[in-house]
Amino acid sequence: MPVLDGWSATARLKAMTHLAHIPILAVTGHVIRDDIERAIEAGCSDYLAQPIDFETMLLKVESLLAA
């Protein structure tokens, strides 16, 4: 992203009370434990590793929206 990285953008969104309730799904090619923990710490609700499996993505989105 040209101005913010995904972690900073997530933290900013989660800091806005009117947006904080919206789940954020991190889609990343970085799936080492530190990156996954960083996504959760930034406020992501879940993560999805690239390359994306479409069925897995749909299940995660449905789960996040149902919560």
N, C-alpha and C. Protein backbone atom coordinates (compact mmCIF):
# COMPACT_ATOMS: atom_id res chain seq x y z
N MET A 1 0.85 -1.17 0.00
CA MET A 1 0.00 0.00 0.00
C MET A 1 0.90 1.23 0.00
N PRO A 2 0.53 2.22 -0.76
CA PRO A 2 1.45 3.35 -0.94
C PRO A 2 1.65 4.25 0.28
N VAL A 3 0.67 4.40 1.15
CA VAL A 3 0.79 5.35 2.26
C VAL A 3 0.95 4.64 3.60
N LEU A 4 0.14 3.63 3.85
CA LEU A 4 0.18 2.87 5.10
C LEU A 4 0.35 1.40 4.79
N ASP A 5 0.97 0.67 5.72
CA ASP A 5 0.94 -0.78 5.56
C ASP A 5 -0.38 -1.29 6.14
N GLY A 6 -0.67 -2.53 5.90
CA GLY A 6 -1.94 -3.10 6.35
C GLY A 6 -2.12 -3.09 7.85
N TRP A 7 -1.03 -3.27 8.58
CA TRP A 7 -1.12 -3.30 10.05
C TRP A 7 -1.49 -1.91 10.58
N SER A 8 -0.87 -0.87 10.02
CA SER A 8 -1.18 0.50 10.44
C SER A 8 -2.60 0.89 10.06
N ALA A 9 -3.02 0.50 8.86
CA ALA A 9 -4.38 0.80 8.43
C ALA A 9 -5.39 0.11 9.33
N THR A 10 -5.13 -1.13 9.69
CA THR A 10 -6.02 -1.87 10.59
C THR A 10 -6.10 -1.20 11.95
N ALA A 11 -4.96 -0.82 12.50
CA ALA A 11 -4.95 -0.16 13.81
C ALA A 11 -5.74 1.15 13.77
N ARG A 12 -5.61 1.89 12.69
CA ARG A 12 -6.35 3.16 12.57
C ARG A 12 -7.85 2.90 12.49
N LEU A 13 -8.24 1.91 11.70
CA LEU A 13 -9.66 1.59 11.59
C LEU A 13 -10.24 1.13 12.92
N LYS A 14 -9.50 0.29 13.63
CA LYS A 14 -9.97 -0.22 14.92
C LYS A 14 -10.01 0.86 15.99
N ALA A 15 -9.27 1.93 15.81
CA ALA A 15 -9.27 3.03 16.77
C ALA A 15 -10.50 3.93 16.59
N MET A 16 -11.18 3.81 15.46
CA MET A 16 -12.38 4.60 15.20
C MET A 16 -13.59 3.87 15.77
N THR A 17 -14.21 4.44 16.77
CA THR A 17 -15.30 3.75 17.47
C THR A 17 -16.43 3.34 16.54
N HIS A 18 -16.72 4.13 15.53
CA HIS A 18 -17.82 3.79 14.63
C HIS A 18 -17.45 2.71 13.61
N LEU A 19 -16.18 2.33 13.55
CA LEU A 19 -15.74 1.28 12.63
C LEU A 19 -15.15 0.06 13.34
N ALA A 20 -14.89 0.18 14.62
CA ALA A 20 -14.17 -0.85 15.37
C ALA A 20 -14.86 -2.21 15.36
N HIS A 21 -16.16 -2.22 15.20
CA HIS A 21 -16.91 -3.48 15.23
C HIS A 21 -16.81 -4.28 13.92
N ILE A 22 -16.31 -3.67 12.87
CA ILE A 22 -16.23 -4.34 11.57
C ILE A 22 -15.03 -5.30 11.56
N PRO A 23 -15.27 -6.58 11.25
CA PRO A 23 -14.15 -7.53 11.22
C PRO A 23 -13.21 -7.24 10.05
N ILE A 24 -11.94 -7.50 10.28
CA ILE A 24 -10.92 -7.32 9.25
C ILE A 24 -10.21 -8.65 9.05
N LEU A 25 -10.18 -9.10 7.81
CA LEU A 25 -9.50 -10.34 7.45
C LEU A 25 -8.20 -9.97 6.75
N ALA A 26 -7.07 -10.33 7.37
CA ALA A 26 -5.76 -10.07 6.77
C ALA A 26 -5.50 -11.11 5.70
N VAL A 27 -5.15 -10.65 4.52
CA VAL A 27 -4.77 -11.54 3.42
C VAL A 27 -3.30 -11.27 3.16
N THR A 28 -2.47 -12.27 3.42
CA THR A 28 -1.04 -12.04 3.38
C THR A 28 -0.26 -13.23 2.85
N GLY A 29 0.87 -12.94 2.29
CA GLY A 29 1.79 -13.98 1.86
C GLY A 29 2.76 -14.34 2.96
N HIS A 30 2.71 -13.59 4.05
CA HIS A 30 3.60 -13.81 5.20
C HIS A 30 2.85 -14.59 6.26
N VAL A 31 3.18 -15.85 6.41
CA VAL A 31 2.43 -16.69 7.33
C VAL A 31 3.29 -17.28 8.45
N ILE A 32 4.40 -16.63 8.75
CA ILE A 32 5.16 -17.09 9.89
C ILE A 32 4.46 -16.61 11.16
N ARG A 33 4.72 -17.28 12.26
CA ARG A 33 4.02 -16.99 13.51
C ARG A 33 4.06 -15.51 13.88
N ASP A 34 5.19 -14.85 13.72
CA ASP A 34 5.30 -13.44 14.08
C ASP A 34 4.34 -12.57 13.26
N ASP A 35 4.19 -12.87 11.98
CA ASP A 35 3.29 -12.08 11.14
C ASP A 35 1.83 -12.31 11.50
N ILE A 36 1.50 -13.55 11.82
CA ILE A 36 0.13 -13.86 12.24
C ILE A 36 -0.19 -13.15 13.55
N GLU A 37 0.74 -13.20 14.50
CA GLU A 37 0.54 -12.51 15.77
C GLU A 37 0.44 -11.00 15.57
N ARG A 38 1.24 -10.47 14.67
CA ARG A 38 1.19 -9.03 14.39
C ARG A 38 -0.16 -8.63 13.81
N ALA A 39 -0.73 -9.46 12.95
CA ALA A 39 -2.05 -9.18 12.38
C ALA A 39 -3.11 -9.14 13.48
N ILE A 40 -3.08 -10.10 14.37
CA ILE A 40 -4.06 -10.15 15.46
C ILE A 40 -3.85 -8.96 16.40
N GLU A 41 -2.61 -8.65 16.73
CA GLU A 41 -2.32 -7.51 17.60
C GLU A 41 -2.77 -6.18 16.97
N ALA A 42 -2.69 -6.08 15.65
CA ALA A 42 -3.10 -4.85 14.96
C ALA A 42 -4.62 -4.69 14.98
N GLY A 43 -5.33 -5.79 15.21
CA GLY A 43 -6.79 -5.72 15.27
C GLY A 43 -7.50 -6.58 14.24
N CYS A 44 -6.75 -7.33 13.45
CA CYS A 44 -7.39 -8.22 12.49
C CYS A 44 -8.15 -9.31 13.22
N SER A 45 -9.29 -9.66 12.68
CA SER A 45 -10.12 -10.70 13.28
C SER A 45 -9.61 -12.09 12.94
N ASP A 46 -9.00 -12.22 11.78
CA ASP A 46 -8.48 -13.50 11.31
C ASP A 46 -7.51 -13.20 10.19
N TYR A 47 -6.88 -14.23 9.67
CA TYR A 47 -5.93 -14.06 8.58
C TYR A 47 -6.14 -15.17 7.56
N LEU A 48 -5.67 -14.91 6.35
CA LEU A 48 -5.76 -15.87 5.27
C LEU A 48 -4.46 -15.80 4.49
N ALA A 49 -3.83 -16.95 4.32
CA ALA A 49 -2.55 -17.00 3.62
C ALA A 49 -2.75 -17.06 2.11
N GLN A 50 -1.86 -16.40 1.40
CA GLN A 50 -1.85 -16.48 -0.05
C GLN A 50 -1.00 -17.67 -0.46
N PRO A 51 -1.25 -18.33 -1.55
CA PRO A 51 -2.35 -18.06 -2.47
C PRO A 51 -3.69 -18.42 -1.81
N ILE A 52 -4.70 -17.67 -2.15
CA ILE A 52 -6.01 -17.79 -1.51
C ILE A 52 -6.78 -18.99 -2.06
N ASP A 53 -7.30 -19.78 -1.14
CA ASP A 53 -8.24 -20.83 -1.48
C ASP A 53 -9.63 -20.21 -1.36
N PHE A 54 -10.35 -20.11 -2.46
CA PHE A 54 -11.61 -19.39 -2.50
C PHE A 54 -12.63 -19.93 -1.49
N GLU A 55 -12.74 -21.24 -1.38
CA GLU A 55 -13.69 -21.84 -0.44
C GLU A 55 -13.34 -21.49 1.01
N THR A 56 -12.06 -21.53 1.33
CA THR A 56 -11.62 -21.16 2.68
C THR A 56 -11.93 -19.70 2.96
N MET A 57 -11.69 -18.85 1.97
CA MET A 57 -11.98 -17.43 2.14
C MET A 57 -13.47 -17.21 2.41
N LEU A 58 -14.32 -17.86 1.65
CA LEU A 58 -15.76 -17.71 1.85
C LEU A 58 -16.17 -18.16 3.26
N LEU A 59 -15.63 -19.27 3.71
CA LEU A 59 -15.96 -19.76 5.05
C LEU A 59 -15.51 -18.77 6.13
N LYS A 60 -14.33 -18.21 5.97
CA LYS A 60 -13.83 -17.24 6.96
C LYS A 60 -14.69 -15.98 6.95
N VAL A 61 -15.03 -15.48 5.78
CA VAL A 61 -15.86 -14.27 5.68
C VAL A 61 -17.23 -14.54 6.29
N GLU A 62 -17.84 -15.67 5.96
CA GLU A 62 -19.15 -16.02 6.54
C GLU A 62 -19.07 -16.10 8.05
N SER A 63 -18.02 -16.71 8.56
CA SER A 63 -17.83 -16.84 10.01
C SER A 63 -17.68 -15.48 10.67
N LEU A 64 -16.88 -14.61 10.08
CA LEU A 64 -16.67 -13.28 10.64
C LEU A 64 -17.95 -12.45 10.62
N LEU A 65 -18.72 -12.56 9.57
CA LEU A 65 -19.95 -11.78 9.47
C LEU A 65 -21.04 -12.31 10.41
N ALA A 66 -21.00 -13.59 10.69
CA ALA A 66 -21.99 -14.19 11.59
C ALA A 66 -21.71 -13.86 13.06
N ALA A 67 -20.47 -13.53 13.35
CA ALA A 67 -20.09 -13.31 14.76
C ALA A 67 -20.64 -12.01 15.31
